[in-house]
Amino acid sequence: MSLSPSTVYKWAESPDTGSASGISNPLDRAMDLHKATNDPRVVRWLCEQAGGFFVKNSDPTLVDEKEQKLAPATSKVVKQFADLLSTVAEAAGDSKINPKEAKHIRLEWEKLKRAAEGYVKCCEEGNFKQLNRDLIK
């Protein structure tokens, strides 16, 4: 799908001006779909289509000095990494990786990417309470 600059510009115009295209912005429709389903897989899929991945930002309002525990958060990220290594080692044990094993490796890899990115973000914010909540999910 190719978008012309005039099409993008029309989406940005107010429908009240009479010059808008009458077509709703597909980005707004994608956001509406995410809001309606409350399913992060919608956003994850969009990010994957763009060659990336989605990591939810931590909520800075949840920072509580008493509950910021670095060691448990670090242990959880290390465990995610160990889970991936275990999955890879098990799959490669017979010197072959079948489609089912590849799918399982992909699943563990996606979990690790989310956990690692979330960990780094929480390190930057000093918000390990949110990280511990996110890793439980």
N, C-alpha and C. Protein backbone atom coordinates (compact mmCIF):
# COMPACT_ATOMS: atom_id res chain seq x y z
N MET A 1 0.85 -1.18 0.00
CA MET A 1 0.00 0.00 0.00
C MET A 1 0.89 1.23 0.00
N SER A 2 0.64 2.11 -0.92
CA SER A 2 1.42 3.33 -1.01
C SER A 2 0.53 4.52 -0.64
N LEU A 3 1.06 5.39 0.20
CA LEU A 3 0.31 6.56 0.63
C LEU A 3 0.91 7.81 0.01
N SER A 4 0.07 8.60 -0.58
CA SER A 4 0.56 9.86 -1.12
C SER A 4 0.54 10.91 -0.01
N PRO A 5 1.40 11.92 -0.10
CA PRO A 5 1.40 12.97 0.92
C PRO A 5 0.03 13.65 1.06
N SER A 6 -0.72 13.77 -0.03
CA SER A 6 -2.03 14.42 0.07
C SER A 6 -3.01 13.55 0.84
N THR A 7 -2.89 12.22 0.72
CA THR A 7 -3.77 11.32 1.48
C THR A 7 -3.50 11.46 2.96
N VAL A 8 -2.23 11.45 3.34
CA VAL A 8 -1.87 11.60 4.76
C VAL A 8 -2.35 12.96 5.26
N TYR A 9 -2.18 13.98 4.46
CA TYR A 9 -2.61 15.32 4.86
C TYR A 9 -4.12 15.35 5.06
N LYS A 10 -4.89 14.71 4.20
CA LYS A 10 -6.35 14.68 4.32
C LYS A 10 -6.77 14.01 5.63
N TRP A 11 -6.03 12.96 6.05
CA TRP A 11 -6.36 12.30 7.31
C TRP A 11 -6.17 13.24 8.49
N ALA A 12 -5.21 14.16 8.36
CA ALA A 12 -4.91 15.08 9.45
C ALA A 12 -5.93 16.22 9.55
N GLU A 13 -6.70 16.45 8.50
CA GLU A 13 -7.67 17.53 8.50
C GLU A 13 -8.92 17.16 9.28
N SER A 14 -9.54 18.16 9.84
CA SER A 14 -10.78 17.94 10.57
C SER A 14 -11.91 17.64 9.59
N PRO A 15 -12.76 16.64 9.90
CA PRO A 15 -13.89 16.35 9.01
C PRO A 15 -14.87 17.52 8.93
N ASP A 16 -14.80 18.44 9.90
CA ASP A 16 -15.71 19.59 9.93
C ASP A 16 -15.38 20.64 8.87
N THR A 17 -14.18 20.62 8.31
CA THR A 17 -13.78 21.65 7.36
C THR A 17 -14.34 21.40 5.97
N GLY A 18 -14.77 20.19 5.72
CA GLY A 18 -15.31 19.88 4.40
C GLY A 18 -14.25 19.47 3.41
N SER A 19 -12.98 19.64 3.77
CA SER A 19 -11.92 19.26 2.84
C SER A 19 -11.30 17.91 3.18
N ALA A 20 -11.73 17.31 4.27
CA ALA A 20 -11.19 16.01 4.63
C ALA A 20 -11.67 14.95 3.64
N SER A 21 -10.94 13.86 3.56
CA SER A 21 -11.23 12.84 2.56
C SER A 21 -12.48 12.03 2.88
N GLY A 22 -12.90 12.04 4.13
CA GLY A 22 -14.04 11.22 4.53
C GLY A 22 -13.62 9.82 4.93
N ILE A 23 -12.36 9.50 4.72
CA ILE A 23 -11.83 8.19 5.11
C ILE A 23 -11.14 8.36 6.46
N SER A 24 -11.50 7.48 7.40
CA SER A 24 -10.85 7.59 8.70
C SER A 24 -9.40 7.15 8.60
N ASN A 25 -8.59 7.75 9.43
CA ASN A 25 -7.17 7.46 9.47
C ASN A 25 -6.97 6.00 9.87
N PRO A 26 -6.25 5.21 9.09
CA PRO A 26 -6.05 3.80 9.44
C PRO A 26 -5.30 3.62 10.76
N LEU A 27 -4.47 4.59 11.11
CA LEU A 27 -3.80 4.49 12.41
C LEU A 27 -4.80 4.64 13.55
N ASP A 28 -5.77 5.55 13.37
CA ASP A 28 -6.83 5.69 14.37
C ASP A 28 -7.67 4.42 14.44
N ARG A 29 -7.92 3.80 13.29
CA ARG A 29 -8.70 2.55 13.28
C ARG A 29 -7.93 1.43 13.98
N ALA A 30 -6.62 1.39 13.77
CA ALA A 30 -5.80 0.38 14.45
C ALA A 30 -5.83 0.60 15.96
N MET A 31 -5.78 1.87 16.38
CA MET A 31 -5.84 2.16 17.81
C MET A 31 -7.22 1.81 18.37
N ASP A 32 -8.27 2.08 17.61
CA ASP A 32 -9.62 1.70 18.04
C ASP A 32 -9.74 0.19 18.21
N LEU A 33 -9.11 -0.56 17.30
CA LEU A 33 -9.13 -2.02 17.40
C LEU A 33 -8.42 -2.47 18.68
N HIS A 34 -7.29 -1.86 18.97
CA HIS A 34 -6.56 -2.20 20.20
C HIS A 34 -7.39 -1.86 21.43
N LYS A 35 -8.01 -0.69 21.43
CA LYS A 35 -8.85 -0.30 22.58
C LYS A 35 -10.05 -1.23 22.74
N ALA A 36 -10.65 -1.63 21.62
CA ALA A 36 -11.84 -2.49 21.68
C ALA A 36 -11.50 -3.89 22.18
N THR A 37 -10.34 -4.39 21.80
CA THR A 37 -9.97 -5.75 22.20
C THR A 37 -9.17 -5.78 23.50
N ASN A 38 -8.52 -4.67 23.81
CA ASN A 38 -7.62 -4.61 24.97
C ASN A 38 -6.61 -5.77 24.91
N ASP A 39 -6.17 -6.06 23.69
CA ASP A 39 -5.27 -7.19 23.45
C ASP A 39 -3.94 -6.67 22.91
N PRO A 40 -2.84 -6.83 23.65
CA PRO A 40 -1.56 -6.31 23.18
C PRO A 40 -1.05 -6.99 21.92
N ARG A 41 -1.62 -8.14 21.55
CA ARG A 41 -1.17 -8.82 20.33
C ARG A 41 -1.44 -7.97 19.09
N VAL A 42 -2.46 -7.11 19.13
CA VAL A 42 -2.75 -6.24 17.98
C VAL A 42 -1.56 -5.32 17.73
N VAL A 43 -1.08 -4.68 18.77
CA VAL A 43 0.04 -3.75 18.65
C VAL A 43 1.33 -4.52 18.36
N ARG A 44 1.50 -5.66 19.00
CA ARG A 44 2.69 -6.47 18.74
C ARG A 44 2.77 -6.86 17.26
N TRP A 45 1.62 -7.26 16.70
CA TRP A 45 1.58 -7.66 15.30
C TRP A 45 1.98 -6.48 14.40
N LEU A 46 1.43 -5.30 14.68
CA LEU A 46 1.77 -4.12 13.88
C LEU A 46 3.27 -3.83 13.96
N CYS A 47 3.81 -3.93 15.16
CA CYS A 47 5.25 -3.69 15.32
C CYS A 47 6.07 -4.72 14.56
N GLU A 48 5.65 -5.97 14.60
CA GLU A 48 6.36 -7.02 13.88
C GLU A 48 6.32 -6.76 12.38
N GLN A 49 5.19 -6.28 11.88
CA GLN A 49 5.07 -5.99 10.45
C GLN A 49 6.01 -4.88 10.04
N ALA A 50 6.35 -4.00 10.99
CA ALA A 50 7.27 -2.90 10.71
C ALA A 50 8.72 -3.28 11.02
N GLY A 51 8.93 -4.55 11.37
CA GLY A 51 10.28 -5.02 11.61
C GLY A 51 10.78 -4.82 13.03
N GLY A 52 9.86 -4.55 13.96
CA GLY A 52 10.27 -4.32 15.34
C GLY A 52 9.48 -5.16 16.30
N PHE A 53 9.46 -4.72 17.54
CA PHE A 53 8.65 -5.39 18.54
C PHE A 53 8.15 -4.38 19.56
N PHE A 54 7.08 -4.74 20.25
CA PHE A 54 6.41 -3.85 21.18
C PHE A 54 6.78 -4.20 22.61
N VAL A 55 7.12 -3.17 23.37
CA VAL A 55 7.32 -3.32 24.81
C VAL A 55 6.54 -2.21 25.48
N LYS A 56 5.65 -2.59 26.36
CA LYS A 56 4.83 -1.61 27.06
C LYS A 56 5.70 -0.80 28.03
N ASN A 57 5.52 0.51 28.05
CA ASN A 57 6.23 1.37 28.99
C ASN A 57 5.72 1.13 30.39
N SER A 58 6.62 1.29 31.34
CA SER A 58 6.19 1.17 32.73
C SER A 58 5.41 2.43 33.12
N ASP A 59 4.61 2.29 34.16
CA ASP A 59 3.79 3.39 34.64
C ASP A 59 4.55 4.11 35.76
N PRO A 60 5.03 5.33 35.50
CA PRO A 60 5.84 6.02 36.52
C PRO A 60 5.06 6.33 37.79
N THR A 61 3.74 6.31 37.74
CA THR A 61 2.96 6.60 38.95
C THR A 61 3.00 5.43 39.93
N LEU A 62 3.51 4.27 39.50
CA LEU A 62 3.57 3.10 40.37
C LEU A 62 4.87 3.01 41.15
N VAL A 63 5.75 4.00 41.00
CA VAL A 63 7.02 3.97 41.71
C VAL A 63 6.77 4.12 43.20
N ASP A 64 7.28 3.17 43.96
CA ASP A 64 7.15 3.17 45.41
C ASP A 64 8.51 2.77 45.96
N GLU A 65 9.18 3.69 46.64
CA GLU A 65 10.55 3.44 47.10
C GLU A 65 10.68 2.13 47.86
N LYS A 66 9.69 1.75 48.66
CA LYS A 66 9.78 0.54 49.47
C LYS A 66 9.71 -0.72 48.63
N GLU A 67 9.14 -0.63 47.43
CA GLU A 67 8.91 -1.84 46.65
C GLU A 67 9.81 -1.96 45.43
N GLN A 68 10.78 -1.08 45.29
CA GLN A 68 11.71 -1.19 44.17
C GLN A 68 12.78 -2.20 44.51
N LYS A 69 12.66 -3.40 43.98
CA LYS A 69 13.59 -4.48 44.31
C LYS A 69 14.35 -4.88 43.05
N LEU A 70 15.61 -4.49 43.00
CA LEU A 70 16.43 -4.77 41.83
C LEU A 70 16.77 -6.25 41.70
N ALA A 71 17.16 -6.90 42.77
CA ALA A 71 17.60 -8.29 42.70
C ALA A 71 16.52 -9.23 42.15
N PRO A 72 15.26 -9.17 42.64
CA PRO A 72 14.25 -10.07 42.07
C PRO A 72 13.98 -9.77 40.59
N ALA A 73 14.01 -8.51 40.22
CA ALA A 73 13.77 -8.15 38.81
C ALA A 73 14.90 -8.70 37.95
N THR A 74 16.13 -8.56 38.42
CA THR A 74 17.28 -9.08 37.67
C THR A 74 17.20 -10.60 37.54
N SER A 75 16.84 -11.26 38.62
CA SER A 75 16.71 -12.72 38.60
C SER A 75 15.67 -13.18 37.58
N LYS A 76 14.58 -12.43 37.48
CA LYS A 76 13.53 -12.81 36.54
C LYS A 76 13.99 -12.67 35.09
N VAL A 77 14.76 -11.63 34.79
CA VAL A 77 15.27 -11.46 33.42
C VAL A 77 16.28 -12.57 33.12
N VAL A 78 17.15 -12.87 34.07
CA VAL A 78 18.13 -13.94 33.87
C VAL A 78 17.41 -15.27 33.65
N LYS A 79 16.31 -15.50 34.40
CA LYS A 79 15.53 -16.73 34.22
C LYS A 79 14.95 -16.81 32.82
N GLN A 80 14.43 -15.68 32.30
CA GLN A 80 13.91 -15.66 30.93
C GLN A 80 14.99 -16.05 29.93
N PHE A 81 16.20 -15.54 30.15
CA PHE A 81 17.32 -15.88 29.27
C PHE A 81 17.65 -17.36 29.38
N ALA A 82 17.66 -17.87 30.60
CA ALA A 82 17.94 -19.30 30.82
C ALA A 82 16.87 -20.16 30.16
N ASP A 83 15.61 -19.72 30.23
CA ASP A 83 14.52 -20.46 29.58
C ASP A 83 14.74 -20.55 28.07
N LEU A 84 15.18 -19.44 27.48
CA LEU A 84 15.46 -19.46 26.04
C LEU A 84 16.60 -20.42 25.73
N LEU A 85 17.69 -20.33 26.50
CA LEU A 85 18.83 -21.22 26.26
C LEU A 85 18.44 -22.69 26.41
N SER A 86 17.62 -22.97 27.41
CA SER A 86 17.16 -24.34 27.62
C SER A 86 16.33 -24.83 26.45
N THR A 87 15.45 -23.98 25.97
CA THR A 87 14.59 -24.33 24.82
C THR A 87 15.45 -24.60 23.58
N VAL A 88 16.44 -23.74 23.34
CA VAL A 88 17.31 -23.92 22.18
C VAL A 88 18.12 -25.20 22.32
N ALA A 89 18.70 -25.43 23.50
CA ALA A 89 19.51 -26.63 23.71
C ALA A 89 18.69 -27.89 23.54
N GLU A 90 17.48 -27.89 24.08
CA GLU A 90 16.61 -29.06 23.95
C GLU A 90 16.24 -29.31 22.49
N ALA A 91 15.91 -28.24 21.78
CA ALA A 91 15.50 -28.38 20.38
C ALA A 91 16.67 -28.86 19.51
N ALA A 92 17.85 -28.36 19.79
CA ALA A 92 19.01 -28.68 18.95
C ALA A 92 19.70 -29.98 19.38
N GLY A 93 19.20 -30.62 20.39
CA GLY A 93 19.81 -31.84 20.91
C GLY A 93 19.99 -32.94 19.88
N ASP A 94 19.11 -33.02 18.92
CA ASP A 94 19.21 -34.05 17.88
C ASP A 94 19.79 -33.49 16.58
N SER A 95 20.41 -32.32 16.67
CA SER A 95 21.03 -31.63 15.53
C SER A 95 20.03 -31.21 14.46
N LYS A 96 18.74 -31.14 14.83
CA LYS A 96 17.70 -30.67 13.92
C LYS A 96 16.72 -29.82 14.73
N ILE A 97 16.08 -28.89 14.07
CA ILE A 97 15.03 -28.11 14.72
C ILE A 97 13.80 -28.18 13.82
N ASN A 98 12.75 -28.81 14.33
CA ASN A 98 11.53 -28.96 13.54
C ASN A 98 10.65 -27.72 13.71
N PRO A 99 9.61 -27.58 12.91
CA PRO A 99 8.76 -26.38 12.99
C PRO A 99 8.15 -26.14 14.37
N LYS A 100 7.76 -27.20 15.06
CA LYS A 100 7.19 -27.04 16.41
C LYS A 100 8.24 -26.48 17.37
N GLU A 101 9.47 -27.00 17.27
CA GLU A 101 10.56 -26.50 18.12
C GLU A 101 10.90 -25.05 17.77
N ALA A 102 10.89 -24.74 16.49
CA ALA A 102 11.17 -23.36 16.07
C ALA A 102 10.13 -22.40 16.62
N LYS A 103 8.87 -22.83 16.62
CA LYS A 103 7.80 -21.99 17.16
C LYS A 103 8.01 -21.76 18.66
N HIS A 104 8.42 -22.80 19.37
CA HIS A 104 8.67 -22.68 20.81
C HIS A 104 9.86 -21.75 21.08
N ILE A 105 10.90 -21.86 20.26
CA ILE A 105 12.05 -20.97 20.38
C ILE A 105 11.61 -19.52 20.16
N ARG A 106 10.80 -19.31 19.13
CA ARG A 106 10.31 -17.95 18.85
C ARG A 106 9.53 -17.40 20.04
N LEU A 107 8.67 -18.22 20.63
CA LEU A 107 7.88 -17.80 21.79
C LEU A 107 8.78 -17.37 22.95
N GLU A 108 9.79 -18.18 23.25
CA GLU A 108 10.71 -17.84 24.34
C GLU A 108 11.54 -16.59 24.00
N TRP A 109 11.90 -16.44 22.73
CA TRP A 109 12.66 -15.27 22.30
C TRP A 109 11.83 -14.00 22.48
N GLU A 110 10.57 -14.05 22.08
CA GLU A 110 9.70 -12.89 22.23
C GLU A 110 9.53 -12.52 23.71
N LYS A 111 9.39 -13.53 24.57
CA LYS A 111 9.28 -13.26 26.02
C LYS A 111 10.55 -12.59 26.53
N LEU A 112 11.71 -13.10 26.09
CA LEU A 112 12.98 -12.53 26.54
C LEU A 112 13.13 -11.09 26.06
N LYS A 113 12.78 -10.80 24.80
CA LYS A 113 12.90 -9.43 24.28
C LYS A 113 12.06 -8.46 25.11
N ARG A 114 10.81 -8.88 25.40
CA ARG A 114 9.95 -8.00 26.21
C ARG A 114 10.51 -7.82 27.61
N ALA A 115 10.98 -8.91 28.21
CA ALA A 115 11.52 -8.82 29.57
C ALA A 115 12.77 -7.96 29.60
N ALA A 116 13.67 -8.15 28.64
CA ALA A 116 14.92 -7.40 28.63
C ALA A 116 14.69 -5.92 28.37
N GLU A 117 13.84 -5.60 27.40
CA GLU A 117 13.55 -4.19 27.12
C GLU A 117 12.86 -3.55 28.31
N GLY A 118 11.91 -4.27 28.91
CA GLY A 118 11.24 -3.75 30.10
C GLY A 118 12.21 -3.53 31.24
N TYR A 119 13.16 -4.44 31.38
CA TYR A 119 14.17 -4.33 32.44
C TYR A 119 15.01 -3.07 32.24
N VAL A 120 15.49 -2.86 31.01
CA VAL A 120 16.32 -1.69 30.73
C VAL A 120 15.52 -0.41 30.98
N LYS A 121 14.28 -0.39 30.52
CA LYS A 121 13.43 0.79 30.73
C LYS A 121 13.25 1.07 32.22
N CYS A 122 12.99 0.02 32.98
CA CYS A 122 12.81 0.19 34.42
C CYS A 122 14.11 0.61 35.09
N CYS A 123 15.25 0.13 34.60
CA CYS A 123 16.55 0.58 35.12
C CYS A 123 16.69 2.08 34.91
N GLU A 124 16.31 2.53 33.72
CA GLU A 124 16.41 3.96 33.41
C GLU A 124 15.51 4.79 34.32
N GLU A 125 14.35 4.23 34.65
CA GLU A 125 13.38 4.97 35.48
C GLU A 125 13.50 4.67 36.97
N GLY A 126 14.24 3.62 37.32
CA GLY A 126 14.32 3.20 38.71
C GLY A 126 13.01 2.63 39.21
N ASN A 127 12.24 2.01 38.32
CA ASN A 127 10.90 1.53 38.66
C ASN A 127 10.84 0.01 38.56
N PHE A 128 11.35 -0.69 39.56
CA PHE A 128 11.39 -2.14 39.51
C PHE A 128 10.09 -2.77 39.98
N LYS A 129 9.27 -2.00 40.66
CA LYS A 129 7.95 -2.51 41.07
C LYS A 129 7.15 -2.88 39.83
N GLN A 130 7.13 -1.99 38.82
CA GLN A 130 6.40 -2.25 37.59
C GLN A 130 7.01 -3.42 36.83
N LEU A 131 8.33 -3.50 36.80
CA LEU A 131 9.01 -4.58 36.11
C LEU A 131 8.60 -5.92 36.71
N ASN A 132 8.60 -6.02 38.02
CA ASN A 132 8.23 -7.28 38.66
C ASN A 132 6.79 -7.65 38.30
N ARG A 133 5.89 -6.68 38.20
CA ARG A 133 4.50 -6.95 37.80
C ARG A 133 4.44 -7.43 36.36
N ASP A 134 5.19 -6.75 35.47
CA ASP A 134 5.17 -7.11 34.04
C ASP A 134 5.72 -8.50 33.79
N LEU A 135 6.75 -8.91 34.53
CA LEU A 135 7.36 -10.21 34.30
C LEU A 135 6.49 -11.35 34.82
N ILE A 136 5.59 -11.07 35.71
CA ILE A 136 4.69 -12.11 36.23
C ILE A 136 3.68 -12.50 35.17
N LYS A 137 3.30 -11.56 34.31
CA LYS A 137 2.28 -11.79 33.28
C LYS A 137 2.73 -12.80 32.27
